[in-house]
Amino acid sequence: MTELENRSNRLTIRFTDSERTTLRTTAEKLRLSEGEYGRKRILSKGEIKQIVIPQVNQDTCLQLTRLQVELNRQGVNLNQLLKLLHSRQASSETINQVATLMEVYKETKATVDTYQSQLIRAC
């Protein structure tokens, strides 16, 4: 059972507009939800620290884009190889090996695409 599932008790606190704005602003600066910030503020004895999110620089975005371009080229090569093998009636073992490479390629490409879309939002 996760911590969230264990949170069955609710505490209601009333704030003025100004207090709520302060709470929201502070939580956002620390990259915490208001509830998470409130829990930490009430239950912790020390300072509440900001969650550190690594900076994404332009070089990282450029390198990921280059990787995606290279993956696209490799995908084209794999497709051409597979078509060639089919047209020349290559052994089923060879075709299966290339098909396995194609699956690995697709998984790798999907991972890179996911990271790139996340980085685009961060850039």
PDB file of N, CA and C in Angstrom:
ATOM      1  N   MET A   1       0.845  -1.182   0.000  1.00  0.00           N
ATOM      2  CA  MET A   1       0.000   0.000   0.000  1.00  0.00           C
ATOM      3  C   MET A   1       0.892   1.247   0.000  1.00  0.00           C
ATOM      4  N   THR A   2       0.595   2.198  -0.859  1.00  0.00           N
ATOM      5  CA  THR A   2       1.431   3.397  -0.953  1.00  0.00           C
ATOM      6  C   THR A   2       1.049   4.402   0.119  1.00  0.00           C
ATOM      7  N   GLU A   3       1.928   5.395   0.289  1.00  0.00           N
ATOM      8  CA  GLU A   3       1.643   6.451   1.268  1.00  0.00           C
ATOM      9  C   GLU A   3       0.331   7.146   0.950  1.00  0.00           C
ATOM     10  N   LEU A   4       0.092   7.400  -0.355  1.00  0.00           N
ATOM     11  CA  LEU A   4      -1.121   8.107  -0.762  1.00  0.00           C
ATOM     12  C   LEU A   4      -2.365   7.321  -0.377  1.00  0.00           C
ATOM     13  N   GLU A   5      -2.316   5.992  -0.539  1.00  0.00           N
ATOM     14  CA  GLU A   5      -3.461   5.159  -0.172  1.00  0.00           C
ATOM     15  C   GLU A   5      -3.695   5.168   1.329  1.00  0.00           C
ATOM     16  N   ASN A   6      -2.648   5.391   2.107  1.00  0.00           N
ATOM     17  CA  ASN A   6      -2.778   5.431   3.555  1.00  0.00           C
ATOM     18  C   ASN A   6      -3.339   6.759   4.053  1.00  0.00           C
ATOM     19  N   ARG A   7      -3.374   7.759   3.210  1.00  0.00           N
ATOM     20  CA  ARG A   7      -3.848   9.083   3.632  1.00  0.00           C
ATOM     21  C   ARG A   7      -5.372   9.125   3.587  1.00  0.00           C
ATOM     22  N   SER A   8      -5.984   8.626   4.635  1.00  0.00           N
ATOM     23  CA  SER A   8      -7.442   8.599   4.693  1.00  0.00           C
ATOM     24  C   SER A   8      -8.001   9.704   5.578  1.00  0.00           C
ATOM     25  N   ASN A   9      -7.142  10.430   6.284  1.00  0.00           N
ATOM     26  CA  ASN A   9      -7.592  11.501   7.165  1.00  0.00           C
ATOM     27  C   ASN A   9      -7.439  12.849   6.482  1.00  0.00           C
ATOM     28  N   ARG A  10      -8.407  13.699   6.677  1.00  0.00           N
ATOM     29  CA  ARG A  10      -8.414  15.009   6.037  1.00  0.00           C
ATOM     30  C   ARG A  10      -8.414  16.090   7.107  1.00  0.00           C
ATOM     31  N   LEU A  11      -7.675  17.162   6.827  1.00  0.00           N
ATOM     32  CA  LEU A  11      -7.619  18.322   7.706  1.00  0.00           C
ATOM     33  C   LEU A  11      -8.066  19.522   6.887  1.00  0.00           C
ATOM     34  N   THR A  12      -9.036  20.247   7.371  1.00  0.00           N
ATOM     35  CA  THR A  12      -9.513  21.426   6.657  1.00  0.00           C
ATOM     36  C   THR A  12      -9.003  22.671   7.363  1.00  0.00           C
ATOM     37  N   ILE A  13      -8.372  23.545   6.595  1.00  0.00           N
ATOM     38  CA  ILE A  13      -7.844  24.799   7.127  1.00  0.00           C
ATOM     39  C   ILE A  13      -8.394  25.931   6.277  1.00  0.00           C
ATOM     40  N   ARG A  14      -8.799  26.981   6.916  1.00  0.00           N
ATOM     41  CA  ARG A  14      -9.309  28.149   6.183  1.00  0.00           C
ATOM     42  C   ARG A  14      -8.225  29.217   6.106  1.00  0.00           C
ATOM     43  N   PHE A  15      -8.121  29.841   4.927  1.00  0.00           N
ATOM     44  CA  PHE A  15      -7.133  30.881   4.681  1.00  0.00           C
ATOM     45  C   PHE A  15      -7.811  32.131   4.151  1.00  0.00           C
ATOM     46  N   THR A  16      -7.203  33.283   4.411  1.00  0.00           N
ATOM     47  CA  THR A  16      -7.629  34.502   3.727  1.00  0.00           C
ATOM     48  C   THR A  16      -7.097  34.407   2.295  1.00  0.00           C
ATOM     49  N   ASP A  17      -7.571  35.264   1.408  1.00  0.00           N
ATOM     50  CA  ASP A  17      -7.063  35.267   0.035  1.00  0.00           C
ATOM     51  C   ASP A  17      -5.557  35.500   0.011  1.00  0.00           C
ATOM     52  N   SER A  18      -5.104  36.410   0.833  1.00  0.00           N
ATOM     53  CA  SER A  18      -3.684  36.734   0.892  1.00  0.00           C
ATOM     54  C   SER A  18      -2.864  35.538   1.379  1.00  0.00           C
ATOM     55  N   GLU A  19      -3.345  34.866   2.423  1.00  0.00           N
ATOM     56  CA  GLU A  19      -2.636  33.701   2.945  1.00  0.00           C
ATOM     57  C   GLU A  19      -2.587  32.581   1.905  1.00  0.00           C
ATOM     58  N   ARG A  20      -3.681  32.384   1.209  1.00  0.00           N
ATOM     59  CA  ARG A  20      -3.740  31.321   0.190  1.00  0.00           C
ATOM     60  C   ARG A  20      -2.786  31.625  -0.959  1.00  0.00           C
ATOM     61  N   THR A  21      -2.715  32.894  -1.344  1.00  0.00           N
ATOM     62  CA  THR A  21      -1.785  33.308  -2.399  1.00  0.00           C
ATOM     63  C   THR A  21      -0.351  33.051  -1.969  1.00  0.00           C
ATOM     64  N   THR A  22      -0.037  33.370  -0.723  1.00  0.00           N
ATOM     65  CA  THR A  22       1.304  33.135  -0.196  1.00  0.00           C
ATOM     66  C   THR A  22       1.620  31.634  -0.198  1.00  0.00           C
ATOM     67  N   LEU A  23       0.669  30.828   0.250  1.00  0.00           N
ATOM     68  CA  LEU A  23       0.834  29.379   0.274  1.00  0.00           C
ATOM     69  C   LEU A  23       1.081  28.854  -1.135  1.00  0.00           C
ATOM     70  N   ARG A  24       0.257  29.257  -2.066  1.00  0.00           N
ATOM     71  CA  ARG A  24       0.362  28.788  -3.450  1.00  0.00           C
ATOM     72  C   ARG A  24       1.699  29.205  -4.069  1.00  0.00           C
ATOM     73  N   THR A  25       2.083  30.468  -3.861  1.00  0.00           N
ATOM     74  CA  THR A  25       3.327  30.995  -4.428  1.00  0.00           C
ATOM     75  C   THR A  25       4.535  30.256  -3.869  1.00  0.00           C
ATOM     76  N   THR A  26       4.550  30.051  -2.568  1.00  0.00           N
ATOM     77  CA  THR A  26       5.673  29.352  -1.933  1.00  0.00           C
ATOM     78  C   THR A  26       5.753  27.909  -2.418  1.00  0.00           C
ATOM     79  N   ALA A  27       4.626  27.241  -2.499  1.00  0.00           N
ATOM     80  CA  ALA A  27       4.613  25.848  -2.970  1.00  0.00           C
ATOM     81  C   ALA A  27       5.121  25.768  -4.411  1.00  0.00           C
ATOM     82  N   GLU A  28       4.699  26.700  -5.254  1.00  0.00           N
ATOM     83  CA  GLU A  28       5.149  26.702  -6.653  1.00  0.00           C
ATOM     84  C   GLU A  28       6.655  26.925  -6.748  1.00  0.00           C
ATOM     85  N   LYS A  29       7.181  27.839  -5.931  1.00  0.00           N
ATOM     86  CA  LYS A  29       8.626  28.100  -5.941  1.00  0.00           C
ATOM     87  C   LYS A  29       9.404  26.856  -5.560  1.00  0.00           C
ATOM     88  N   LEU A  30       8.850  26.069  -4.667  1.00  0.00           N
ATOM     89  CA  LEU A  30       9.508  24.842  -4.206  1.00  0.00           C
ATOM     90  C   LEU A  30       9.172  23.640  -5.081  1.00  0.00           C
ATOM     91  N   ARG A  31       8.348  23.875  -6.100  1.00  0.00           N
ATOM     92  CA  ARG A  31       7.889  22.824  -7.014  1.00  0.00           C
ATOM     93  C   ARG A  31       7.171  21.708  -6.250  1.00  0.00           C
ATOM     94  N   LEU A  32       6.307  22.113  -5.340  1.00  0.00           N
ATOM     95  CA  LEU A  32       5.499  21.183  -4.563  1.00  0.00           C
ATOM     96  C   LEU A  32       4.033  21.540  -4.760  1.00  0.00           C
ATOM     97  N   SER A  33       3.159  20.562  -4.567  1.00  0.00           N
ATOM     98  CA  SER A  33       1.738  20.880  -4.554  1.00  0.00           C
ATOM     99  C   SER A  33       1.434  21.593  -3.234  1.00  0.00           C
ATOM    100  N   GLU A  34       0.294  22.256  -3.161  1.00  0.00           N
ATOM    101  CA  GLU A  34      -0.064  22.947  -1.920  1.00  0.00           C
ATOM    102  C   GLU A  34      -0.204  21.958  -0.767  1.00  0.00           C
ATOM    103  N   GLY A  35      -0.814  20.809  -1.040  1.00  0.00           N
ATOM    104  CA  GLY A  35      -0.987  19.798   0.002  1.00  0.00           C
ATOM    105  C   GLY A  35       0.341  19.241   0.481  1.00  0.00           C
ATOM    106  N   GLU A  36       1.228  18.964  -0.487  1.00  0.00           N
ATOM    107  CA  GLU A  36       2.547  18.429  -0.139  1.00  0.00           C
ATOM    108  C   GLU A  36       3.337  19.450   0.677  1.00  0.00           C
ATOM    109  N   TYR A  37       3.272  20.713   0.243  1.00  0.00           N
ATOM    110  CA  TYR A  37       3.964  21.775   0.980  1.00  0.00           C
ATOM    111  C   TYR A  37       3.388  21.902   2.394  1.00  0.00           C
ATOM    112  N   GLY A  38       2.060  21.880   2.503  1.00  0.00           N
ATOM    113  CA  GLY A  38       1.415  21.998   3.812  1.00  0.00           C
ATOM    114  C   GLY A  38       1.804  20.871   4.752  1.00  0.00           C
ATOM    115  N   ARG A  39       1.802  19.637   4.224  1.00  0.00           N
ATOM    116  CA  ARG A  39       2.212  18.487   5.048  1.00  0.00           C
ATOM    117  C   ARG A  39       3.647  18.639   5.521  1.00  0.00           C
ATOM    118  N   LYS A  40       4.535  19.000   4.586  1.00  0.00           N
ATOM    119  CA  LYS A  40       5.946  19.160   4.956  1.00  0.00           C
ATOM    120  C   LYS A  40       6.114  20.278   5.974  1.00  0.00           C
ATOM    121  N   ARG A  41       5.377  21.344   5.783  1.00  0.00           N
ATOM    122  CA  ARG A  41       5.489  22.509   6.683  1.00  0.00           C
ATOM    123  C   ARG A  41       5.012  22.138   8.088  1.00  0.00           C
ATOM    124  N   ILE A  42       3.936  21.405   8.173  1.00  0.00           N
ATOM    125  CA  ILE A  42       3.379  21.036   9.470  1.00  0.00           C
ATOM    126  C   ILE A  42       4.206  19.937  10.146  1.00  0.00           C
ATOM    127  N   LEU A  43       4.637  18.946   9.390  1.00  0.00           N
ATOM    128  CA  LEU A  43       5.274  17.763   9.972  1.00  0.00           C
ATOM    129  C   LEU A  43       6.791  17.831  10.078  1.00  0.00           C
ATOM    130  N   SER A  44       7.428  18.698   9.296  1.00  0.00           N
ATOM    131  CA  SER A  44       8.895  18.729   9.331  1.00  0.00           C
ATOM    132  C   SER A  44       9.391  19.668  10.413  1.00  0.00           C
ATOM    133  N   LYS A  45      10.573  19.365  10.890  1.00  0.00           N
ATOM    134  CA  LYS A  45      11.157  20.197  11.931  1.00  0.00           C
ATOM    135  C   LYS A  45      12.174  21.166  11.358  1.00  0.00           C
ATOM    136  N   GLY A  46      12.644  20.865  10.178  1.00  0.00           N
ATOM    137  CA  GLY A  46      13.674  21.708   9.573  1.00  0.00           C
ATOM    138  C   GLY A  46      13.131  22.517   8.415  1.00  0.00           C
ATOM    139  N   GLU A  47      14.067  23.011   7.643  1.00  0.00           N
ATOM    140  CA  GLU A  47      13.737  23.821   6.482  1.00  0.00           C
ATOM    141  C   GLU A  47      13.198  22.920   5.369  1.00  0.00           C
ATOM    142  N   ILE A  48      12.262  23.428   4.613  1.00  0.00           N
ATOM    143  CA  ILE A  48      11.735  22.700   3.465  1.00  0.00           C
ATOM    144  C   ILE A  48      12.570  23.087   2.261  1.00  0.00           C
ATOM    145  N   LYS A  49      13.145  22.080   1.616  1.00  0.00           N
ATOM    146  CA  LYS A  49      14.044  22.344   0.502  1.00  0.00           C
ATOM    147  C   LYS A  49      13.329  22.185  -0.826  1.00  0.00           C
ATOM    148  N   GLN A  50      13.776  22.964  -1.787  1.00  0.00           N
ATOM    149  CA  GLN A  50      13.234  22.910  -3.135  1.00  0.00           C
ATOM    150  C   GLN A  50      13.660  21.618  -3.818  1.00  0.00           C
ATOM    151  N   ILE A  51      12.762  21.061  -4.616  1.00  0.00           N
ATOM    152  CA  ILE A  51      13.105  19.905  -5.422  1.00  0.00           C
ATOM    153  C   ILE A  51      13.987  20.406  -6.562  1.00  0.00           C
ATOM    154  N   VAL A  52      15.124  19.782  -6.734  1.00  0.00           N
ATOM    155  CA  VAL A  52      16.062  20.235  -7.757  1.00  0.00           C
ATOM    156  C   VAL A  52      15.775  19.510  -9.064  1.00  0.00           C
ATOM    157  N   ILE A  53      15.466  20.281 -10.075  1.00  0.00           N
ATOM    158  CA  ILE A  53      15.247  19.738 -11.408  1.00  0.00           C
ATOM    159  C   ILE A  53      16.433  20.165 -12.255  1.00  0.00           C
ATOM    160  N   PRO A  54      17.140  19.214 -12.858  1.00  0.00           N
ATOM    161  CA  PRO A  54      18.333  19.586 -13.613  1.00  0.00           C
ATOM    162  C   PRO A  54      18.007  20.530 -14.757  1.00  0.00           C
ATOM    163  N   GLN A  55      18.899  21.471 -14.978  1.00  0.00           N
ATOM    164  CA  GLN A  55      18.737  22.412 -16.080  1.00  0.00           C
ATOM    165  C   GLN A  55      18.991  21.685 -17.399  1.00  0.00           C
ATOM    166  N   VAL A  56      18.146  21.952 -18.361  1.00  0.00           N
ATOM    167  CA  VAL A  56      18.324  21.388 -19.688  1.00  0.00           C
ATOM    168  C   VAL A  56      18.898  22.496 -20.550  1.00  0.00           C
ATOM    169  N   ASN A  57      20.099  22.257 -21.069  1.00  0.00           N
ATOM    170  CA  ASN A  57      20.695  23.299 -21.879  1.00  0.00           C
ATOM    171  C   ASN A  57      20.495  23.007 -23.360  1.00  0.00           C
ATOM    172  N   GLN A  58      20.833  23.979 -24.159  1.00  0.00           N
ATOM    173  CA  GLN A  58      20.626  23.877 -25.596  1.00  0.00           C
ATOM    174  C   GLN A  58      21.442  22.736 -26.188  1.00  0.00           C
ATOM    175  N   ASP A  59      22.639  22.493 -25.650  1.00  0.00           N
ATOM    176  CA  ASP A  59      23.490  21.427 -26.151  1.00  0.00           C
ATOM    177  C   ASP A  59      22.824  20.059 -25.971  1.00  0.00           C
ATOM    178  N   THR A  60      22.167  19.850 -24.824  1.00  0.00           N
ATOM    179  CA  THR A  60      21.466  18.593 -24.579  1.00  0.00           C
ATOM    180  C   THR A  60      20.360  18.391 -25.603  1.00  0.00           C
ATOM    181  N   CYS A  61      19.596  19.452 -25.856  1.00  0.00           N
ATOM    182  CA  CYS A  61      18.512  19.367 -26.847  1.00  0.00           C
ATOM    183  C   CYS A  61      19.072  19.067 -28.232  1.00  0.00           C
ATOM    184  N   LEU A  62      20.181  19.697 -28.576  1.00  0.00           N
ATOM    185  CA  LEU A  62      20.808  19.488 -29.879  1.00  0.00           C
ATOM    186  C   LEU A  62      21.305  18.050 -30.010  1.00  0.00           C
ATOM    187  N   GLN A  63      21.932  17.532 -28.971  1.00  0.00           N
ATOM    188  CA  GLN A  63      22.429  16.157 -29.012  1.00  0.00           C
ATOM    189  C   GLN A  63      21.289  15.156 -29.155  1.00  0.00           C
ATOM    190  N   LEU A  64      20.187  15.398 -28.455  1.00  0.00           N
ATOM    191  CA  LEU A  64      19.049  14.497 -28.560  1.00  0.00           C
ATOM    192  C   LEU A  64      18.441  14.556 -29.960  1.00  0.00           C
ATOM    193  N   THR A  65      18.398  15.736 -30.553  1.00  0.00           N
ATOM    194  CA  THR A  65      17.888  15.873 -31.916  1.00  0.00           C
ATOM    195  C   THR A  65      18.777  15.118 -32.891  1.00  0.00           C
ATOM    196  N   ARG A  66      20.088  15.234 -32.720  1.00  0.00           N
ATOM    197  CA  ARG A  66      21.026  14.494 -33.583  1.00  0.00           C
ATOM    198  C   ARG A  66      20.834  12.984 -33.435  1.00  0.00           C
ATOM    199  N   LEU A  67      20.617  12.540 -32.202  1.00  0.00           N
ATOM    200  CA  LEU A  67      20.380  11.122 -31.957  1.00  0.00           C
ATOM    201  C   LEU A  67      19.109  10.666 -32.661  1.00  0.00           C
ATOM    202  N   GLN A  68      18.082  11.490 -32.622  1.00  0.00           N
ATOM    203  CA  GLN A  68      16.828  11.126 -33.276  1.00  0.00           C
ATOM    204  C   GLN A  68      17.005  11.055 -34.797  1.00  0.00           C
ATOM    205  N   VAL A  69      17.758  11.984 -35.366  1.00  0.00           N
ATOM    206  CA  VAL A  69      18.022  11.956 -36.807  1.00  0.00           C
ATOM    207  C   VAL A  69      18.767  10.675 -37.175  1.00  0.00           C
ATOM    208  N   GLU A  70      19.784  10.331 -36.390  1.00  0.00           N
ATOM    209  CA  GLU A  70      20.553   9.113 -36.661  1.00  0.00           C
ATOM    210  C   GLU A  70      19.674   7.874 -36.516  1.00  0.00           C
ATOM    211  N   LEU A  71      18.810   7.863 -35.516  1.00  0.00           N
ATOM    212  CA  LEU A  71      17.892   6.725 -35.358  1.00  0.00           C
ATOM    213  C   LEU A  71      16.961   6.608 -36.557  1.00  0.00           C
ATOM    214  N   ASN A  72      16.497   7.731 -37.080  1.00  0.00           N
ATOM    215  CA  ASN A  72      15.648   7.695 -38.274  1.00  0.00           C
ATOM    216  C   ASN A  72      16.401   7.077 -39.448  1.00  0.00           C
ATOM    217  N   ARG A  73      17.661   7.462 -39.611  1.00  0.00           N
ATOM    218  CA  ARG A  73      18.479   6.902 -40.701  1.00  0.00           C
ATOM    219  C   ARG A  73      18.641   5.391 -40.531  1.00  0.00           C
ATOM    220  N   GLN A  74      18.923   4.959 -39.311  1.00  0.00           N
ATOM    221  CA  GLN A  74      19.085   3.528 -39.057  1.00  0.00           C
ATOM    222  C   GLN A  74      17.782   2.773 -39.315  1.00  0.00           C
ATOM    223  N   GLY A  75      16.669   3.384 -38.981  1.00  0.00           N
ATOM    224  CA  GLY A  75      15.371   2.764 -39.239  1.00  0.00           C
ATOM    225  C   GLY A  75      15.129   2.565 -40.723  1.00  0.00           C
ATOM    226  N   VAL A  76      15.484   3.578 -41.510  1.00  0.00           N
ATOM    227  CA  VAL A  76      15.360   3.459 -42.969  1.00  0.00           C
ATOM    228  C   VAL A  76      16.233   2.313 -43.467  1.00  0.00           C
ATOM    229  N   ASN A  77      17.479   2.243 -42.977  1.00  0.00           N
ATOM    230  CA  ASN A  77      18.388   1.164 -43.376  1.00  0.00           C
ATOM    231  C   ASN A  77      17.831  -0.208 -43.014  1.00  0.00           C
ATOM    232  N   LEU A  78      17.289  -0.337 -41.810  1.00  0.00           N
ATOM    233  CA  LEU A  78      16.720  -1.626 -41.391  1.00  0.00           C
ATOM    234  C   LEU A  78      15.533  -2.015 -42.265  1.00  0.00           C
ATOM    235  N   ASN A  79      14.684  -1.055 -42.579  1.00  0.00           N
ATOM    236  CA  ASN A  79      13.535  -1.328 -43.452  1.00  0.00           C
ATOM    237  C   ASN A  79      13.998  -1.809 -44.821  1.00  0.00           C
ATOM    238  N   GLN A  80      14.988  -1.113 -45.386  1.00  0.00           N
ATOM    239  CA  GLN A  80      15.498  -1.501 -46.697  1.00  0.00           C
ATOM    240  C   GLN A  80      16.102  -2.905 -46.649  1.00  0.00           C
ATOM    241  N   LEU A  81      16.845  -3.206 -45.602  1.00  0.00           N
ATOM    242  CA  LEU A  81      17.451  -4.525 -45.450  1.00  0.00           C
ATOM    243  C   LEU A  81      16.383  -5.604 -45.356  1.00  0.00           C
ATOM    244  N   LEU A  82      15.360  -5.364 -44.579  1.00  0.00           N
ATOM    245  CA  LEU A  82      14.295  -6.345 -44.411  1.00  0.00           C
ATOM    246  C   LEU A  82      13.572  -6.599 -45.736  1.00  0.00           C
ATOM    247  N   LYS A  83      13.297  -5.538 -46.483  1.00  0.00           N
ATOM    248  CA  LYS A  83      12.645  -5.699 -47.795  1.00  0.00           C
ATOM    249  C   LYS A  83      13.530  -6.484 -48.755  1.00  0.00           C
ATOM    250  N   LEU A  84      14.834  -6.195 -48.736  1.00  0.00           N
ATOM    251  CA  LEU A  84      15.774  -6.907 -49.592  1.00  0.00           C
ATOM    252  C   LEU A  84      15.804  -8.392 -49.247  1.00  0.00           C
ATOM    253  N   LEU A  85      15.840  -8.688 -47.945  1.00  0.00           N
ATOM    254  CA  LEU A  85      15.874 -10.092 -47.515  1.00  0.00           C
ATOM    255  C   LEU A  85      14.609 -10.832 -47.948  1.00  0.00           C
ATOM    256  N   HIS A  86      13.467 -10.171 -47.846  1.00  0.00           N
ATOM    257  CA  HIS A  86      12.214 -10.804 -48.262  1.00  0.00           C
ATOM    258  C   HIS A  86      12.209 -11.057 -49.762  1.00  0.00           C
ATOM    259  N   SER A  87      12.704 -10.105 -50.536  1.00  0.00           N
ATOM    260  CA  SER A  87      12.679 -10.246 -51.994  1.00  0.00           C
ATOM    261  C   SER A  87      13.639 -11.325 -52.488  1.00  0.00           C
ATOM    262  N   ARG A  88      14.673 -11.605 -51.738  1.00  0.00           N
ATOM    263  CA  ARG A  88      15.668 -12.613 -52.146  1.00  0.00           C
ATOM    264  C   ARG A  88      15.437 -13.959 -51.450  1.00  0.00           C
ATOM    265  N   GLN A  89      14.310 -14.100 -50.822  1.00  0.00           N
ATOM    266  CA  GLN A  89      13.969 -15.333 -50.102  1.00  0.00           C
ATOM    267  C   GLN A  89      15.104 -15.783 -49.178  1.00  0.00           C
ATOM    268  N   ALA A  90      15.541 -14.873 -48.307  1.00  0.00           N
ATOM    269  CA  ALA A  90      16.581 -15.200 -47.330  1.00  0.00           C
ATOM    270  C   ALA A  90      16.023 -16.214 -46.336  1.00  0.00           C
ATOM    271  N   SER A  91      16.910 -16.827 -45.596  1.00  0.00           N
ATOM    272  CA  SER A  91      16.472 -17.832 -44.627  1.00  0.00           C
ATOM    273  C   SER A  91      15.581 -17.176 -43.568  1.00  0.00           C
ATOM    274  N   SER A  92      14.687 -17.977 -43.047  1.00  0.00           N
ATOM    275  CA  SER A  92      13.782 -17.443 -42.026  1.00  0.00           C
ATOM    276  C   SER A  92      14.558 -17.001 -40.788  1.00  0.00           C
ATOM    277  N   GLU A  93      15.678 -17.663 -40.515  1.00  0.00           N
ATOM    278  CA  GLU A  93      16.505 -17.273 -39.358  1.00  0.00           C
ATOM    279  C   GLU A  93      17.068 -15.861 -39.546  1.00  0.00           C
ATOM    280  N   THR A  94      17.563 -15.580 -40.742  1.00  0.00           N
ATOM    281  CA  THR A  94      18.110 -14.244 -41.032  1.00  0.00           C
ATOM    282  C   THR A  94      17.018 -13.184 -40.948  1.00  0.00           C
ATOM    283  N   ILE A  95      15.875 -13.483 -41.525  1.00  0.00           N
ATOM    284  CA  ILE A  95      14.756 -12.534 -41.485  1.00  0.00           C
ATOM    285  C   ILE A  95      14.328 -12.298 -40.042  1.00  0.00           C
ATOM    286  N   ASN A  96      14.282 -13.348 -39.235  1.00  0.00           N
ATOM    287  CA  ASN A  96      13.907 -13.205 -37.819  1.00  0.00           C
ATOM    288  C   ASN A  96      14.914 -12.359 -37.049  1.00  0.00           C
ATOM    289  N   GLN A  97      16.212 -12.514 -37.368  1.00  0.00           N
ATOM    290  CA  GLN A  97      17.236 -11.710 -36.698  1.00  0.00           C
ATOM    291  C   GLN A  97      17.082 -10.228 -37.042  1.00  0.00           C
ATOM    292  N   VAL A  98      16.827  -9.948 -38.297  1.00  0.00           N
ATOM    293  CA  VAL A  98      16.638  -8.556 -38.705  1.00  0.00           C
ATOM    294  C   VAL A  98      15.334  -8.014 -38.109  1.00  0.00           C
ATOM    295  N   ALA A  99      14.315  -8.826 -38.058  1.00  0.00           N
ATOM    296  CA  ALA A  99      13.049  -8.401 -37.452  1.00  0.00           C
ATOM    297  C   ALA A  99      13.246  -8.087 -35.967  1.00  0.00           C
ATOM    298  N   THR A 100      14.069  -8.866 -35.282  1.00  0.00           N
ATOM    299  CA  THR A 100      14.383  -8.598 -33.878  1.00  0.00           C
ATOM    300  C   THR A 100      15.117  -7.279 -33.740  1.00  0.00           C
ATOM    301  N   LEU A 101      16.078  -7.040 -34.636  1.00  0.00           N
ATOM    302  CA  LEU A 101      16.777  -5.741 -34.637  1.00  0.00           C
ATOM    303  C   LEU A 101      15.791  -4.597 -34.845  1.00  0.00           C
ATOM    304  N   MET A 102      14.829  -4.819 -35.709  1.00  0.00           N
ATOM    305  CA  MET A 102      13.821  -3.793 -35.984  1.00  0.00           C
ATOM    306  C   MET A 102      13.003  -3.492 -34.725  1.00  0.00           C
ATOM    307  N   GLU A 103      12.661  -4.508 -33.963  1.00  0.00           N
ATOM    308  CA  GLU A 103      11.901  -4.303 -32.720  1.00  0.00           C
ATOM    309  C   GLU A 103      12.723  -3.508 -31.702  1.00  0.00           C
ATOM    310  N   VAL A 104      14.004  -3.857 -31.580  1.00  0.00           N
ATOM    311  CA  VAL A 104      14.886  -3.117 -30.672  1.00  0.00           C
ATOM    312  C   VAL A 104      14.975  -1.656 -31.115  1.00  0.00           C
ATOM    313  N   TYR A 105      15.103  -1.466 -32.416  1.00  0.00           N
ATOM    314  CA  TYR A 105      15.148  -0.103 -32.963  1.00  0.00           C
ATOM    315  C   TYR A 105      13.881   0.667 -32.592  1.00  0.00           C
ATOM    316  N   LYS A 106      12.718   0.054 -32.787  1.00  0.00           N
ATOM    317  CA  LYS A 106      11.446   0.735 -32.502  1.00  0.00           C
ATOM    318  C   LYS A 106      11.342   1.128 -31.025  1.00  0.00           C
ATOM    319  N   GLU A 107      11.763   0.236 -30.134  1.00  0.00           N
ATOM    320  CA  GLU A 107      11.730   0.536 -28.699  1.00  0.00           C
ATOM    321  C   GLU A 107      12.668   1.694 -28.362  1.00  0.00           C
ATOM    322  N   THR A 108      13.868   1.655 -28.942  1.00  0.00           N
ATOM    323  CA  THR A 108      14.848   2.722 -28.701  1.00  0.00           C
ATOM    324  C   THR A 108      14.323   4.051 -29.228  1.00  0.00           C
ATOM    325  N   LYS A 109      13.753   4.028 -30.416  1.00  0.00           N
ATOM    326  CA  LYS A 109      13.226   5.253 -31.020  1.00  0.00           C
ATOM    327  C   LYS A 109      12.083   5.822 -30.182  1.00  0.00           C
ATOM    328  N   ALA A 110      11.214   4.958 -29.692  1.00  0.00           N
ATOM    329  CA  ALA A 110      10.099   5.420 -28.855  1.00  0.00           C
ATOM    330  C   ALA A 110      10.619   6.087 -27.586  1.00  0.00           C
ATOM    331  N   THR A 111      11.663   5.527 -26.991  1.00  0.00           N
ATOM    332  CA  THR A 111      12.261   6.117 -25.789  1.00  0.00           C
ATOM    333  C   THR A 111      12.855   7.480 -26.090  1.00  0.00           C
ATOM    334  N   VAL A 112      13.599   7.570 -27.187  1.00  0.00           N
ATOM    335  CA  VAL A 112      14.206   8.852 -27.571  1.00  0.00           C
ATOM    336  C   VAL A 112      13.119   9.883 -27.868  1.00  0.00           C
ATOM    337  N   ASP A 113      12.071   9.478 -28.561  1.00  0.00           N
ATOM    338  CA  ASP A 113      10.968  10.403 -28.865  1.00  0.00           C
ATOM    339  C   ASP A 113      10.327  10.927 -27.588  1.00  0.00           C
ATOM    340  N   THR A 114      10.150  10.044 -26.610  1.00  0.00           N
ATOM    341  CA  THR A 114       9.562  10.459 -25.331  1.00  0.00           C
ATOM    342  C   THR A 114      10.447  11.479 -24.636  1.00  0.00           C
ATOM    343  N   TYR A 115      11.754  11.189 -24.561  1.00  0.00           N
ATOM    344  CA  TYR A 115      12.674  12.126 -23.929  1.00  0.00           C
ATOM    345  C   TYR A 115      12.723  13.451 -24.669  1.00  0.00           C
ATOM    346  N   GLN A 116      12.687  13.374 -25.987  1.00  0.00           N
ATOM    347  CA  GLN A 116      12.754  14.623 -26.743  1.00  0.00           C
ATOM    348  C   GLN A 116      11.519  15.481 -26.495  1.00  0.00           C
ATOM    349  N   SER A 117      10.347  14.880 -26.448  1.00  0.00           N
ATOM    350  CA  SER A 117       9.140  15.677 -26.206  1.00  0.00           C
ATOM    351  C   SER A 117       9.172  16.291 -24.791  1.00  0.00           C
ATOM    352  N   GLN A 118       9.728  15.552 -23.825  1.00  0.00           N
ATOM    353  CA  GLN A 118       9.856  16.101 -22.474  1.00  0.00           C
ATOM    354  C   GLN A 118      10.851  17.258 -22.450  1.00  0.00           C
ATOM    355  N   LEU A 119      11.952  17.115 -23.180  1.00  0.00           N
ATOM    356  CA  LEU A 119      12.950  18.173 -23.219  1.00  0.00           C
ATOM    357  C   LEU A 119      12.460  19.396 -23.964  1.00  0.00           C
ATOM    358  N   ILE A 120      11.671  19.196 -24.998  1.00  0.00           N
ATOM    359  CA  ILE A 120      11.139  20.332 -25.751  1.00  0.00           C
ATOM    360  C   ILE A 120      10.307  21.212 -24.831  1.00  0.00           C
ATOM    361  N   ARG A 121       9.527  20.558 -23.965  1.00  0.00           N
ATOM    362  CA  ARG A 121       8.730  21.335 -22.997  1.00  0.00           C
ATOM    363  C   ARG A 121       9.614  22.070 -22.015  1.00  0.00           C
ATOM    364  N   ALA A 122      10.791  21.503 -21.703  1.00  0.00           N
ATOM    365  CA  ALA A 122      11.685  22.110 -20.718  1.00  0.00           C
ATOM    366  C   ALA A 122      12.571  23.205 -21.325  1.00  0.00           C
ATOM    367  N   CYS A 123      12.769  23.169 -22.637  1.00  0.00           N
ATOM    368  CA  CYS A 123      13.682  24.135 -23.279  1.00  0.00           C
ATOM    369  C   CYS A 123      13.046  25.498 -23.441  1.00  0.00           C
TER     370      CYS A 123
END
